[in-house]
PDB file of N, CA and C in Angstrom:
ATOM      1  N   MET A   1       0.891  -0.828   0.165  1.00  0.00           N
ATOM      2  CA  MET A   1       0.031  -0.033   0.120  1.00  0.00           C
ATOM      3  C   MET A   1       1.085   1.207   0.016  1.00  0.00           C
ATOM      4  N   THR A   2       0.552   2.139  -0.657  1.00  0.00           N
ATOM      5  CA  THR A   2       1.341   3.460  -0.841  1.00  0.00           C
ATOM      6  C   THR A   2       1.153   4.138   0.273  1.00  0.00           C
ATOM      7  N   THR A   3       2.043   4.804   0.932  1.00  0.00           N
ATOM      8  CA  THR A   3       1.667   5.775   2.112  1.00  0.00           C
ATOM      9  C   THR A   3       1.664   7.394   1.499  1.00  0.00           C
ATOM     10  N   ALA A   4       1.243   8.114   2.334  1.00  0.00           N
ATOM     11  CA  ALA A   4       1.102   9.588   2.229  1.00  0.00           C
ATOM     12  C   ALA A   4       2.642  10.184   1.807  1.00  0.00           C
ATOM     13  N   GLU A   5       3.609   9.530   2.629  1.00  0.00           N
ATOM     14  CA  GLU A   5       4.982  10.002   2.809  1.00  0.00           C
ATOM     15  C   GLU A   5       5.318   9.867   1.150  1.00  0.00           C
ATOM     16  N   GLU A   6       5.146   8.671   0.566  1.00  0.00           N
ATOM     17  CA  GLU A   6       5.506   8.553  -0.828  1.00  0.00           C
ATOM     18  C   GLU A   6       4.712   9.318  -1.624  1.00  0.00           C
ATOM     19  N   ILE A   7       3.928   9.626  -1.696  1.00  0.00           N
ATOM     20  CA  ILE A   7       3.108  10.771  -2.472  1.00  0.00           C
ATOM     21  C   ILE A   7       3.489  12.089  -2.450  1.00  0.00           C
ATOM     22  N   ILE A   8       3.754  12.270  -1.157  1.00  0.00           N
ATOM     23  CA  ILE A   8       4.485  13.880  -0.985  1.00  0.00           C
ATOM     24  C   ILE A   8       5.852  13.775  -1.603  1.00  0.00           C
ATOM     25  N   GLU A   9       6.625  12.962  -1.549  1.00  0.00           N
ATOM     26  CA  GLU A   9       7.867  12.976  -2.003  1.00  0.00           C
ATOM     27  C   GLU A   9       7.896  12.663  -3.265  1.00  0.00           C
ATOM     28  N   PHE A  10       6.901  12.166  -4.145  1.00  0.00           N
ATOM     29  CA  PHE A  10       6.700  12.035  -5.649  1.00  0.00           C
ATOM     30  C   PHE A  10       6.479  13.206  -6.010  1.00  0.00           C
ATOM     31  N   GLN A  11       5.589  13.984  -5.194  1.00  0.00           N
ATOM     32  CA  GLN A  11       4.934  15.458  -5.792  1.00  0.00           C
ATOM     33  C   GLN A  11       6.156  16.386  -5.572  1.00  0.00           C
ATOM     34  N   ARG A  12       6.931  16.366  -4.450  1.00  0.00           N
ATOM     35  CA  ARG A  12       8.038  17.129  -4.532  1.00  0.00           C
ATOM     36  C   ARG A  12       9.094  16.844  -5.569  1.00  0.00           C
ATOM     37  N   ASN A  13       9.345  15.724  -6.074  1.00  0.00           N
ATOM     38  CA  ASN A  13      10.408  15.649  -6.836  1.00  0.00           C
ATOM     39  C   ASN A  13       9.910  16.048  -8.562  1.00  0.00           C
ATOM     40  N   ALA A  14       8.581  15.938  -8.771  1.00  0.00           N
ATOM     41  CA  ALA A  14       8.162  16.090  -9.872  1.00  0.00           C
ATOM     42  C   ALA A  14       8.042  17.770  -9.970  1.00  0.00           C
ATOM     43  N   ALA A  15       7.643  18.291  -9.135  1.00  0.00           N
ATOM     44  CA  ALA A  15       7.828  19.646  -9.299  1.00  0.00           C
ATOM     45  C   ALA A  15       9.222  20.605  -9.583  1.00  0.00           C
ATOM     46  N   PRO A  16       9.032  21.531 -10.075  1.00  0.00           N
ATOM     47  CA  PRO A  16      10.404  22.407 -10.244  1.00  0.00           C
ATOM     48  C   PRO A  16      10.712  23.089  -9.076  1.00  0.00           C
ATOM     49  N   ARG A  17      11.924  23.282  -8.892  1.00  0.00           N
ATOM     50  CA  ARG A  17      12.290  23.787  -7.488  1.00  0.00           C
ATOM     51  C   ARG A  17      12.564  25.406  -8.333  1.00  0.00           C
ATOM     52  N   ARG A  18      12.026  26.337  -7.366  1.00  0.00           N
ATOM     53  CA  ARG A  18      11.987  27.960  -7.991  1.00  0.00           C
ATOM     54  C   ARG A  18      12.770  28.445  -6.726  1.00  0.00           C
ATOM     55  N   ILE A  19      13.730  29.623  -7.779  1.00  0.00           N
ATOM     56  CA  ILE A  19      14.872  30.116  -6.800  1.00  0.00           C
ATOM     57  C   ILE A  19      14.391  31.848  -7.173  1.00  0.00           C
ATOM     58  N   TRP A  20      14.419  32.746  -6.494  1.00  0.00           N
ATOM     59  CA  TRP A  20      14.501  34.100  -6.959  1.00  0.00           C
ATOM     60  C   TRP A  20      16.104  34.425  -7.177  1.00  0.00           C
ATOM     61  N   GLU A  21      16.257  35.149  -8.195  1.00  0.00           N
ATOM     62  CA  GLU A  21      17.543  35.605  -8.488  1.00  0.00           C
ATOM     63  C   GLU A  21      17.253  36.830  -8.630  1.00  0.00           C
ATOM     64  N   MET A  22      18.477  37.829  -7.687  1.00  0.00           N
ATOM     65  CA  MET A  22      18.271  39.217  -7.722  1.00  0.00           C
ATOM     66  C   MET A  22      19.850  39.659  -7.211  1.00  0.00           C
ATOM     67  N   ASP A  23      20.176  40.735  -7.386  1.00  0.00           N
ATOM     68  CA  ASP A  23      21.410  41.366  -7.280  1.00  0.00           C
ATOM     69  C   ASP A  23      21.212  42.052  -5.848  1.00  0.00           C
ATOM     70  N   LYS A  24      22.427  42.303  -5.351  1.00  0.00           N
ATOM     71  CA  LYS A  24      22.571  42.709  -3.789  1.00  0.00           C
ATOM     72  C   LYS A  24      21.616  44.057  -3.540  1.00  0.00           C
ATOM     73  N   CYS A  25      21.693  44.941  -4.640  1.00  0.00           N
ATOM     74  CA  CYS A  25      20.724  46.058  -4.530  1.00  0.00           C
ATOM     75  C   CYS A  25      19.358  46.096  -4.151  1.00  0.00           C
ATOM     76  N   THR A  26      18.918  45.079  -5.473  1.00  0.00           N
ATOM     77  CA  THR A  26      17.459  44.762  -5.319  1.00  0.00           C
ATOM     78  C   THR A  26      17.001  44.206  -4.013  1.00  0.00           C
ATOM     79  N   PHE A  27      17.967  43.119  -3.642  1.00  0.00           N
ATOM     80  CA  PHE A  27      17.629  42.527  -2.239  1.00  0.00           C
ATOM     81  C   PHE A  27      17.423  43.329  -1.033  1.00  0.00           C
ATOM     82  N   ASN A  28      18.428  44.353  -1.076  1.00  0.00           N
ATOM     83  CA  ASN A  28      18.392  45.149   0.154  1.00  0.00           C
ATOM     84  C   ASN A  28      17.177  45.935  -0.032  1.00  0.00           C
ATOM     85  N   LYS A  29      16.627  46.255  -1.072  1.00  0.00           N
ATOM     86  CA  LYS A  29      15.273  46.940  -1.263  1.00  0.00           C
ATOM     87  C   LYS A  29      14.083  45.872  -1.094  1.00  0.00           C
ATOM     88  N   ILE A  30      13.983  44.655  -1.199  1.00  0.00           N
ATOM     89  CA  ILE A  30      12.962  44.059  -1.403  1.00  0.00           C
ATOM     90  C   ILE A  30      12.736  43.489   0.568  1.00  0.00           C
ATOM     91  N   ARG A  31      14.215  43.550   1.163  1.00  0.00           N
ATOM     92  CA  ARG A  31      13.963  43.256   2.523  1.00  0.00           C
ATOM     93  C   ARG A  31      12.899  43.822   3.466  1.00  0.00           C
ATOM     94  N   LYS A  32      12.580  45.153   2.752  1.00  0.00           N
ATOM     95  CA  LYS A  32      11.953  46.129   3.503  1.00  0.00           C
ATOM     96  C   LYS A  32      10.509  46.307   3.225  1.00  0.00           C
ATOM     97  N   ILE A  33      10.149  45.269   2.188  1.00  0.00           N
ATOM     98  CA  ILE A  33       8.587  45.508   1.619  1.00  0.00           C
ATOM     99  C   ILE A  33       7.877  44.652   2.651  1.00  0.00           C
ATOM    100  N   LYS A  34       6.928  45.518   2.519  1.00  0.00           N
ATOM    101  CA  LYS A  34       5.810  44.739   4.078  1.00  0.00           C
ATOM    102  C   LYS A  34       4.303  44.807   3.241  1.00  0.00           C
ATOM    103  N   GLU A  35       3.550  43.626   3.856  1.00  0.00           N
ATOM    104  CA  GLU A  35       2.048  43.875   3.369  1.00  0.00           C
ATOM    105  C   GLU A  35       1.408  44.586   4.004  1.00  0.00           C
ATOM    106  N   ASP A  36       0.328  44.960   3.820  1.00  0.00           N
ATOM    107  CA  ASP A  36      -0.517  45.981   4.310  1.00  0.00           C
ATOM    108  C   ASP A  36      -0.444  45.943   5.760  1.00  0.00           C
ATOM    109  N   ASN A  37      -0.724  44.674   6.254  1.00  0.00           N
ATOM    110  CA  ASN A  37      -0.609  44.208   7.681  1.00  0.00           C
ATOM    111  C   ASN A  37       0.572  44.386   8.411  1.00  0.00           C
ATOM    112  N   GLY A  38       1.598  44.892   7.773  1.00  0.00           N
ATOM    113  CA  GLY A  38       2.972  45.061   8.247  1.00  0.00           C
ATOM    114  C   GLY A  38       4.161  44.006   8.498  1.00  0.00           C
ATOM    115  N   ILE A  39       3.755  42.884   7.776  1.00  0.00           N
ATOM    116  CA  ILE A  39       4.312  41.504   7.739  1.00  0.00           C
ATOM    117  C   ILE A  39       5.086  41.705   6.579  1.00  0.00           C
ATOM    118  N   TYR A  40       6.448  41.349   6.871  1.00  0.00           N
ATOM    119  CA  TYR A  40       7.732  41.208   5.715  1.00  0.00           C
ATOM    120  C   TYR A  40       7.439  40.401   4.961  1.00  0.00           C
ATOM    121  N   LEU A  41       7.662  40.594   3.645  1.00  0.00           N
ATOM    122  CA  LEU A  41       7.761  39.478   2.301  1.00  0.00           C
ATOM    123  C   LEU A  41       8.477  38.828   2.374  1.00  0.00           C
ATOM    124  N   TRP A  42       9.854  39.256   3.150  1.00  0.00           N
ATOM    125  CA  TRP A  42      11.249  38.858   3.184  1.00  0.00           C
ATOM    126  C   TRP A  42      11.040  38.047   4.255  1.00  0.00           C
ATOM    127  N   THR A  43      11.920  36.820   4.359  1.00  0.00           N
ATOM    128  CA  THR A  43      11.919  36.177   5.635  1.00  0.00           C
ATOM    129  C   THR A  43      13.383  35.436   5.738  1.00  0.00           C
ATOM    130  N   PRO A  44      14.313  35.907   6.809  1.00  0.00           N
ATOM    131  CA  PRO A  44      15.642  35.392   6.945  1.00  0.00           C
ATOM    132  C   PRO A  44      15.712  33.893   6.944  1.00  0.00           C
ATOM    133  N   GLU A  45      16.966  33.600   6.651  1.00  0.00           N
ATOM    134  CA  GLU A  45      17.184  31.892   6.703  1.00  0.00           C
ATOM    135  C   GLU A  45      17.454  31.595   8.228  1.00  0.00           C
ATOM    136  N   PRO A  46      16.448  30.656   8.801  1.00  0.00           N
ATOM    137  CA  PRO A  46      16.583  30.429  10.411  1.00  0.00           C
ATOM    138  C   PRO A  46      17.982  30.049  10.821  1.00  0.00           C
ATOM    139  N   ASN A  47      18.788  29.216  10.165  1.00  0.00           N
ATOM    140  CA  ASN A  47      19.589  28.748  10.631  1.00  0.00           C
ATOM    141  C   ASN A  47      21.273  29.452  10.084  1.00  0.00           C
ATOM    142  N   HIS A  48      20.873  30.004   9.140  1.00  0.00           N
ATOM    143  CA  HIS A  48      22.190  30.460   8.787  1.00  0.00           C
ATOM    144  C   HIS A  48      22.006  32.089   8.531  1.00  0.00           C
ATOM    145  N   GLU A  49      22.673  33.139   9.294  1.00  0.00           N
ATOM    146  CA  GLU A  49      22.449  34.417   9.245  1.00  0.00           C
ATOM    147  C   GLU A  49      23.052  35.048   7.808  1.00  0.00           C
ATOM    148  N   ASP A  50      24.228  34.615   7.267  1.00  0.00           N
ATOM    149  CA  ASP A  50      24.868  34.806   6.175  1.00  0.00           C
ATOM    150  C   ASP A  50      24.340  34.540   4.705  1.00  0.00           C
ATOM    151  N   MET A  51      23.041  33.634   4.726  1.00  0.00           N
ATOM    152  CA  MET A  51      22.222  33.397   3.907  1.00  0.00           C
ATOM    153  C   MET A  51      21.112  34.423   3.373  1.00  0.00           C
ATOM    154  N   PRO A  52      20.855  34.692   2.304  1.00  0.00           N
ATOM    155  CA  PRO A  52      19.779  35.984   1.949  1.00  0.00           C
ATOM    156  C   PRO A  52      18.519  35.240   2.381  1.00  0.00           C
ATOM    157  N   GLY A  53      18.130  34.264   2.526  1.00  0.00           N
ATOM    158  CA  GLY A  53      16.689  33.749   3.056  1.00  0.00           C
ATOM    159  C   GLY A  53      15.899  33.581   1.848  1.00  0.00           C
ATOM    160  N   TYR A  54      14.606  33.955   2.413  1.00  0.00           N
ATOM    161  CA  TYR A  54      13.397  33.614   1.286  1.00  0.00           C
ATOM    162  C   TYR A  54      12.484  35.156   0.986  1.00  0.00           C
ATOM    163  N   PHE A  55      11.978  35.344  -0.132  1.00  0.00           N
ATOM    164  CA  PHE A  55      11.011  36.088  -0.499  1.00  0.00           C
ATOM    165  C   PHE A  55       9.962  35.487  -0.991  1.00  0.00           C
ATOM    166  N   LEU A  56       8.612  35.769  -0.394  1.00  0.00           N
ATOM    167  CA  LEU A  56       7.376  35.029  -0.633  1.00  0.00           C
ATOM    168  C   LEU A  56       7.573  33.580  -0.567  1.00  0.00           C
ATOM    169  N   GLY A  57       8.244  32.928   0.632  1.00  0.00           N
ATOM    170  CA  GLY A  57       8.406  31.810   0.593  1.00  0.00           C
ATOM    171  C   GLY A  57       9.395  30.912  -0.364  1.00  0.00           C
ATOM    172  N   ILE A  58      10.002  31.811  -1.322  1.00  0.00           N
ATOM    173  CA  ILE A  58      10.930  31.227  -2.192  1.00  0.00           C
ATOM    174  C   ILE A  58      12.494  31.667  -1.834  1.00  0.00           C
ATOM    175  N   GLN A  59      13.177  30.514  -1.935  1.00  0.00           N
ATOM    176  CA  GLN A  59      14.694  30.909  -1.752  1.00  0.00           C
ATOM    177  C   GLN A  59      15.214  32.011  -2.381  1.00  0.00           C
ATOM    178  N   ILE A  60      15.993  32.845  -1.840  1.00  0.00           N
ATOM    179  CA  ILE A  60      17.022  33.760  -2.798  1.00  0.00           C
ATOM    180  C   ILE A  60      18.071  33.429  -2.929  1.00  0.00           C
ATOM    181  N   GLN A  61      18.799  33.708  -4.166  1.00  0.00           N
ATOM    182  CA  GLN A  61      20.061  33.728  -4.669  1.00  0.00           C
ATOM    183  C   GLN A  61      20.501  35.125  -4.967  1.00  0.00           C
ATOM    184  N   ILE A  62      21.578  35.579  -4.534  1.00  0.00           N
ATOM    185  CA  ILE A  62      22.371  36.760  -5.183  1.00  0.00           C
ATOM    186  C   ILE A  62      23.115  36.616  -6.499  1.00  0.00           C
ATOM    187  N   ALA A  63      22.484  37.587  -7.284  1.00  0.00           N
ATOM    188  CA  ALA A  63      23.188  37.359  -8.565  1.00  0.00           C
ATOM    189  C   ALA A  63      24.315  38.723  -8.607  1.00  0.00           C
ATOM    190  N   LYS A  64      25.274  38.306  -9.498  1.00  0.00           N
ATOM    191  CA  LYS A  64      26.501  39.409  -9.553  1.00  0.00           C
ATOM    192  C   LYS A  64      25.906  40.580 -10.626  1.00  0.00           C
ATOM    193  N   GLU A  65      25.079  40.157 -11.445  1.00  0.00           N
ATOM    194  CA  GLU A  65      24.515  40.995 -12.538  1.00  0.00           C
ATOM    195  C   GLU A  65      23.179  41.576 -11.776  1.00  0.00           C
ATOM    196  N   ARG A  66      22.659  42.701 -12.302  1.00  0.00           N
ATOM    197  CA  ARG A  66      21.476  43.478 -12.064  1.00  0.00           C
ATOM    198  C   ARG A  66      20.404  42.613 -12.431  1.00  0.00           C
ATOM    199  N   CYS A  67      19.608  41.926 -11.733  1.00  0.00           N
ATOM    200  CA  CYS A  67      18.321  41.292 -12.375  1.00  0.00           C
ATOM    201  C   CYS A  67      17.297  41.139 -10.858  1.00  0.00           C
ATOM    202  N   PHE A  68      16.374  40.905 -11.497  1.00  0.00           N
ATOM    203  CA  PHE A  68      15.018  40.433 -10.517  1.00  0.00           C
ATOM    204  C   PHE A  68      14.258  39.324 -11.054  1.00  0.00           C
ATOM    205  N   GLN A  69      14.494  38.118 -11.210  1.00  0.00           N
ATOM    206  CA  GLN A  69      13.792  37.036 -11.742  1.00  0.00           C
ATOM    207  C   GLN A  69      13.771  35.800 -11.042  1.00  0.00           C
ATOM    208  N   ILE A  70      12.895  34.885 -11.543  1.00  0.00           N
ATOM    209  CA  ILE A  70      12.583  33.696 -11.006  1.00  0.00           C
ATOM    210  C   ILE A  70      13.245  32.440 -11.693  1.00  0.00           C
ATOM    211  N   ARG A  71      14.222  31.680 -11.237  1.00  0.00           N
ATOM    212  CA  ARG A  71      14.552  30.430 -12.160  1.00  0.00           C
ATOM    213  C   ARG A  71      14.016  29.251 -11.537  1.00  0.00           C
ATOM    214  N   TYR A  72      13.601  28.538 -12.513  1.00  0.00           N
ATOM    215  CA  TYR A  72      12.937  27.032 -12.419  1.00  0.00           C
ATOM    216  C   TYR A  72      13.802  25.994 -12.553  1.00  0.00           C
ATOM    217  N   GLU A  73      14.087  25.150 -11.535  1.00  0.00           N
ATOM    218  CA  GLU A  73      15.080  23.815 -12.028  1.00  0.00           C
ATOM    219  C   GLU A  73      14.471  22.686 -11.898  1.00  0.00           C
ATOM    220  N   PHE A  74      14.538  22.000 -13.166  1.00  0.00           N
ATOM    221  CA  PHE A  74      13.775  20.797 -13.286  1.00  0.00           C
ATOM    222  C   PHE A  74      14.487  19.798 -13.013  1.00  0.00           C
ATOM    223  N   THR A  75      13.940  18.535 -12.837  1.00  0.00           N
ATOM    224  CA  THR A  75      14.560  17.435 -12.235  1.00  0.00           C
ATOM    225  C   THR A  75      15.364  16.818 -13.122  1.00  0.00           C
ATOM    226  N   ASP A  76      15.295  17.130 -14.388  1.00  0.00           N
ATOM    227  CA  ASP A  76      16.303  16.480 -15.616  1.00  0.00           C
ATOM    228  C   ASP A  76      17.390  17.454 -15.770  1.00  0.00           C
ATOM    229  N   GLY A  77      17.645  18.306 -14.979  1.00  0.00           N
ATOM    230  CA  GLY A  77      18.853  19.217 -14.877  1.00  0.00           C
ATOM    231  C   GLY A  77      18.494  20.371 -15.754  1.00  0.00           C
ATOM    232  N   SER A  78      17.425  20.526 -16.488  1.00  0.00           N
ATOM    233  CA  SER A  78      17.279  21.832 -17.286  1.00  0.00           C
ATOM    234  C   SER A  78      16.769  23.085 -16.595  1.00  0.00           C
ATOM    235  N   SER A  79      16.908  24.210 -16.805  1.00  0.00           N
ATOM    236  CA  SER A  79      15.944  25.252 -16.241  1.00  0.00           C
ATOM    237  C   SER A  79      15.454  26.484 -17.121  1.00  0.00           C
ATOM    238  N   HIS A  80      14.464  26.953 -16.370  1.00  0.00           N
ATOM    239  CA  HIS A  80      13.989  28.175 -17.171  1.00  0.00           C
ATOM    240  C   HIS A  80      13.876  29.464 -16.365  1.00  0.00           C
ATOM    241  N   VAL A  81      14.016  30.609 -17.057  1.00  0.00           N
ATOM    242  CA  VAL A  81      14.178  31.891 -16.057  1.00  0.00           C
ATOM    243  C   VAL A  81      13.009  32.587 -16.663  1.00  0.00           C
ATOM    244  N   ILE A  82      12.186  33.439 -15.612  1.00  0.00           N
ATOM    245  CA  ILE A  82      11.477  34.318 -16.096  1.00  0.00           C
ATOM    246  C   ILE A  82      11.797  35.597 -15.425  1.00  0.00           C
ATOM    247  N   GLU A  83      12.277  36.537 -16.652  1.00  0.00           N
ATOM    248  CA  GLU A  83      12.760  37.918 -15.708  1.00  0.00           C
ATOM    249  C   GLU A  83      11.251  38.713 -15.487  1.00  0.00           C
ATOM    250  N   SER A  84      11.639  39.451 -14.464  1.00  0.00           N
ATOM    251  CA  SER A  84      10.483  40.347 -13.876  1.00  0.00           C
ATOM    252  C   SER A  84      10.761  41.698 -14.650  1.00  0.00           C
ATOM    253  N   ASP A  85       9.674  42.287 -14.983  1.00  0.00           N
ATOM    254  CA  ASP A  85       9.956  43.703 -15.429  1.00  0.00           C
ATOM    255  C   ASP A  85       9.648  44.865 -14.412  1.00  0.00           C
ATOM    256  N   ILE A  86       9.306  44.306 -13.273  1.00  0.00           N
ATOM    257  CA  ILE A  86       9.247  45.195 -12.151  1.00  0.00           C
ATOM    258  C   ILE A  86      10.531  46.005 -11.816  1.00  0.00           C
ATOM    259  N   LYS A  87      10.360  47.123 -11.449  1.00  0.00           N
ATOM    260  CA  LYS A  87      11.385  47.878 -11.050  1.00  0.00           C
ATOM    261  C   LYS A  87      11.420  48.195  -9.394  1.00  0.00           C
ATOM    262  N   ILE A  88      12.587  47.693  -8.792  1.00  0.00           N
ATOM    263  CA  ILE A  88      12.407  47.706  -7.233  1.00  0.00           C
ATOM    264  C   ILE A  88      13.460  48.652  -7.131  1.00  0.00           C
TER     265      ILE A  88
END
């Protein structure tokens, strides 16, 4: 019989991994953005203070080039980038 853990693991492995890619200047700006109720959209990494943390629940990676985009990484090793036209 299939267990709930097996189904959850299958779903996790089938979905692409999402990563925010942004430059340091953009990162410093998004860390200050709050929802109307005062909750920050940025969350620090709980165990590693030197890591950029999460934005809207998605891991952040700091890029050297100026950018604000989401990279999807698929289990077959391929990836796809969606660049944002939002000016931060």
